[in-house]
Amino acid sequence: MRSELRRAADRLVGGVRWYVRELMDESAYDRHVAHVRRDHPETEVPSRRDFERMRTDRQEADPRQGFRCC
């Protein structure tokens, strides 16, 4: 009984964690790494810092998005 409750709680916490990561787009880097490794194996995977910099630069350059800090 206790182990069933524990597994249910772990699934619930895992689901909430997944949802929040998707909502905040925290998983974008993980998806990018998977894409690069799958479709471009000869390409070096950027660090998370470099990825975030590229993503921010792309957003700032896109006139449709209108970059804002907040």
N, C-alpha and C. Protein backbone atom coordinates (compact mmCIF):
# COMPACT_ATOMS: atom_id res chain seq x y z
N MET A 1 0.83 -1.19 0.00
CA MET A 1 0.00 0.00 0.00
C MET A 1 0.87 1.26 0.00
N ARG A 2 1.88 1.26 0.88
CA ARG A 2 2.75 2.43 0.97
C ARG A 2 3.54 2.65 -0.31
N SER A 3 4.03 1.57 -0.88
CA SER A 3 4.81 1.70 -2.11
C SER A 3 3.94 2.17 -3.27
N GLU A 4 2.67 1.78 -3.27
CA GLU A 4 1.75 2.26 -4.31
C GLU A 4 1.53 3.76 -4.18
N LEU A 5 1.38 4.24 -2.95
CA LEU A 5 1.22 5.68 -2.73
C LEU A 5 2.48 6.43 -3.13
N ARG A 6 3.61 5.84 -2.82
CA ARG A 6 4.88 6.46 -3.18
C ARG A 6 5.02 6.57 -4.69
N ARG A 7 4.70 5.50 -5.41
CA ARG A 7 4.78 5.52 -6.88
C ARG A 7 3.80 6.54 -7.46
N ALA A 8 2.60 6.61 -6.90
CA ALA A 8 1.61 7.57 -7.38
C ALA A 8 2.10 9.00 -7.14
N ALA A 9 2.69 9.24 -5.96
CA ALA A 9 3.21 10.57 -5.65
C ALA A 9 4.37 10.92 -6.58
N ASP A 10 5.24 9.95 -6.85
CA ASP A 10 6.37 10.19 -7.76
C ASP A 10 5.87 10.52 -9.17
N ARG A 11 4.85 9.80 -9.63
CA ARG A 11 4.28 10.09 -10.97
C ARG A 11 3.67 11.49 -11.00
N LEU A 12 2.97 11.86 -9.92
CA LEU A 12 2.36 13.18 -9.85
C LEU A 12 3.43 14.28 -9.88
N VAL A 13 4.46 14.13 -9.07
CA VAL A 13 5.54 15.12 -9.03
C VAL A 13 6.24 15.18 -10.38
N GLY A 14 6.49 14.03 -10.99
CA GLY A 14 7.12 14.01 -12.31
C GLY A 14 6.28 14.70 -13.36
N GLY A 15 4.97 14.49 -13.31
CA GLY A 15 4.07 15.14 -14.25
C GLY A 15 4.04 16.65 -14.07
N VAL A 16 4.02 17.09 -12.83
CA VAL A 16 4.02 18.53 -12.56
C VAL A 16 5.34 19.15 -13.01
N ARG A 17 6.44 18.45 -12.74
CA ARG A 17 7.76 18.94 -13.17
C ARG A 17 7.81 19.06 -14.69
N TRP A 18 7.33 18.05 -15.41
CA TRP A 18 7.32 18.08 -16.87
C TRP A 18 6.49 19.27 -17.36
N TYR A 19 5.31 19.46 -16.78
CA TYR A 19 4.41 20.53 -17.21
C TYR A 19 5.05 21.90 -17.01
N VAL A 20 5.64 22.12 -15.86
CA VAL A 20 6.27 23.42 -15.58
C VAL A 20 7.44 23.66 -16.52
N ARG A 21 8.26 22.63 -16.77
CA ARG A 21 9.39 22.79 -17.71
C ARG A 21 8.89 23.14 -19.12
N GLU A 22 7.81 22.50 -19.56
CA GLU A 22 7.26 22.80 -20.88
C GLU A 22 6.66 24.20 -20.90
N LEU A 23 5.96 24.56 -19.85
CA LEU A 23 5.32 25.88 -19.77
C LEU A 23 6.36 27.00 -19.81
N MET A 24 7.45 26.82 -19.11
CA MET A 24 8.50 27.84 -19.05
C MET A 24 9.52 27.69 -20.18
N ASP A 25 9.32 26.72 -21.06
CA ASP A 25 10.21 26.43 -22.20
C ASP A 25 11.62 26.07 -21.73
N GLU A 26 11.69 25.50 -20.54
CA GLU A 26 12.96 25.08 -19.97
C GLU A 26 13.52 23.87 -20.73
N SER A 27 12.66 23.11 -21.38
CA SER A 27 13.11 21.91 -22.07
C SER A 27 13.57 22.20 -23.50
N ALA A 28 13.59 23.44 -23.92
CA ALA A 28 13.99 23.80 -25.29
C ALA A 28 15.42 23.34 -25.57
N TYR A 29 16.31 23.50 -24.61
CA TYR A 29 17.70 23.08 -24.81
C TYR A 29 17.78 21.57 -25.00
N ASP A 30 17.05 20.84 -24.17
CA ASP A 30 17.06 19.37 -24.29
C ASP A 30 16.56 18.93 -25.66
N ARG A 31 15.51 19.58 -26.16
CA ARG A 31 14.99 19.25 -27.49
C ARG A 31 16.01 19.60 -28.57
N HIS A 32 16.70 20.72 -28.40
CA HIS A 32 17.71 21.14 -29.39
C HIS A 32 18.87 20.16 -29.42
N VAL A 33 19.33 19.74 -28.26
CA VAL A 33 20.44 18.77 -28.20
C VAL A 33 20.03 17.47 -28.88
N ALA A 34 18.82 17.00 -28.61
CA ALA A 34 18.34 15.76 -29.25
C ALA A 34 18.28 15.93 -30.76
N HIS A 35 17.81 17.08 -31.22
CA HIS A 35 17.73 17.36 -32.66
C HIS A 35 19.11 17.35 -33.30
N VAL A 36 20.06 18.05 -32.70
CA VAL A 36 21.41 18.13 -33.27
C VAL A 36 22.05 16.75 -33.32
N ARG A 37 21.93 15.99 -32.25
CA ARG A 37 22.54 14.66 -32.22
C ARG A 37 21.90 13.70 -33.22
N ARG A 38 20.59 13.85 -33.43
CA ARG A 38 19.87 12.96 -34.35
C ARG A 38 20.07 13.37 -35.81
N ASP A 39 19.90 14.65 -36.12
CA ASP A 39 19.88 15.11 -37.51
C ASP A 39 21.20 15.68 -38.01
N HIS A 40 22.07 16.07 -37.11
CA HIS A 40 23.34 16.68 -37.50
C HIS A 40 24.47 16.14 -36.62
N PRO A 41 24.73 14.84 -36.68
CA PRO A 41 25.71 14.25 -35.76
C PRO A 41 27.13 14.79 -35.92
N GLU A 42 27.44 15.38 -37.06
CA GLU A 42 28.78 15.92 -37.27
C GLU A 42 28.94 17.30 -36.63
N THR A 43 27.84 17.92 -36.24
CA THR A 43 27.87 19.26 -35.66
C THR A 43 28.09 19.18 -34.15
N GLU A 44 28.89 20.11 -33.65
CA GLU A 44 29.13 20.17 -32.20
C GLU A 44 27.89 20.72 -31.50
N VAL A 45 27.53 20.11 -30.39
CA VAL A 45 26.38 20.56 -29.61
C VAL A 45 26.80 21.79 -28.80
N PRO A 46 26.05 22.89 -28.91
CA PRO A 46 26.43 24.09 -28.16
C PRO A 46 26.19 23.90 -26.66
N SER A 47 26.91 24.65 -25.86
CA SER A 47 26.66 24.62 -24.42
C SER A 47 25.31 25.27 -24.16
N ARG A 48 24.78 25.05 -22.99
CA ARG A 48 23.48 25.66 -22.67
C ARG A 48 23.57 27.18 -22.74
N ARG A 49 24.67 27.72 -22.27
CA ARG A 49 24.86 29.18 -22.29
C ARG A 49 24.86 29.70 -23.73
N ASP A 50 25.60 29.02 -24.61
CA ASP A 50 25.63 29.43 -26.02
C ASP A 50 24.25 29.30 -26.67
N PHE A 51 23.54 28.23 -26.33
CA PHE A 51 22.20 28.04 -26.87
C PHE A 51 21.28 29.18 -26.44
N GLU A 52 21.31 29.54 -25.17
CA GLU A 52 20.44 30.62 -24.69
C GLU A 52 20.81 31.94 -25.34
N ARG A 53 22.10 32.16 -25.56
CA ARG A 53 22.54 33.39 -26.24
C ARG A 53 22.03 33.43 -27.67
N MET A 54 22.14 32.30 -28.39
CA MET A 54 21.64 32.24 -29.78
C MET A 54 20.13 32.46 -29.80
N ARG A 55 19.43 31.87 -28.86
CA ARG A 55 17.97 32.01 -28.81
C ARG A 55 17.57 33.45 -28.53
N THR A 56 18.26 34.09 -27.61
CA THR A 56 17.97 35.49 -27.30
C THR A 56 18.29 36.39 -28.49
N ASP A 57 19.42 36.16 -29.13
CA ASP A 57 19.79 36.96 -30.31
C ASP A 57 18.74 36.80 -31.42
N ARG A 58 18.26 35.58 -31.62
CA ARG A 58 17.25 35.33 -32.65
C ARG A 58 15.95 36.06 -32.31
N GLN A 59 15.57 36.06 -31.04
CA GLN A 59 14.35 36.77 -30.64
C GLN A 59 14.50 38.27 -30.81
N GLU A 60 15.65 38.81 -30.45
CA GLU A 60 15.88 40.25 -30.59
C GLU A 60 15.87 40.68 -32.04
N ALA A 61 16.34 39.80 -32.94
CA ALA A 61 16.43 40.15 -34.36
C ALA A 61 15.09 40.01 -35.09
N ASP A 62 14.15 39.34 -34.50
CA ASP A 62 12.86 39.10 -35.15
C ASP A 62 11.92 40.27 -34.89
N PRO A 63 11.60 41.09 -35.91
CA PRO A 63 10.75 42.26 -35.69
C PRO A 63 9.31 41.89 -35.31
N ARG A 64 8.90 40.67 -35.62
CA ARG A 64 7.53 40.26 -35.26
C ARG A 64 7.37 40.04 -33.77
N GLN A 65 8.46 39.68 -33.10
CA GLN A 65 8.35 39.39 -31.67
C GLN A 65 8.49 40.64 -30.82
N GLY A 66 9.24 41.60 -31.25
CA GLY A 66 9.42 42.80 -30.45
C GLY A 66 10.04 42.45 -29.10
N PHE A 67 11.34 42.46 -29.01
CA PHE A 67 12.02 42.01 -27.80
C PHE A 67 11.68 42.91 -26.62
N ARG A 68 11.36 42.27 -25.51
CA ARG A 68 11.12 42.98 -24.26
C ARG A 68 11.83 42.22 -23.15
N CYS A 69 12.25 42.92 -22.17
CA CYS A 69 12.92 42.24 -21.05
C CYS A 69 11.91 41.62 -20.09
N CYS A 70 10.71 42.13 -20.06
CA CYS A 70 9.73 41.66 -19.07
C CYS A 70 8.39 41.32 -19.73
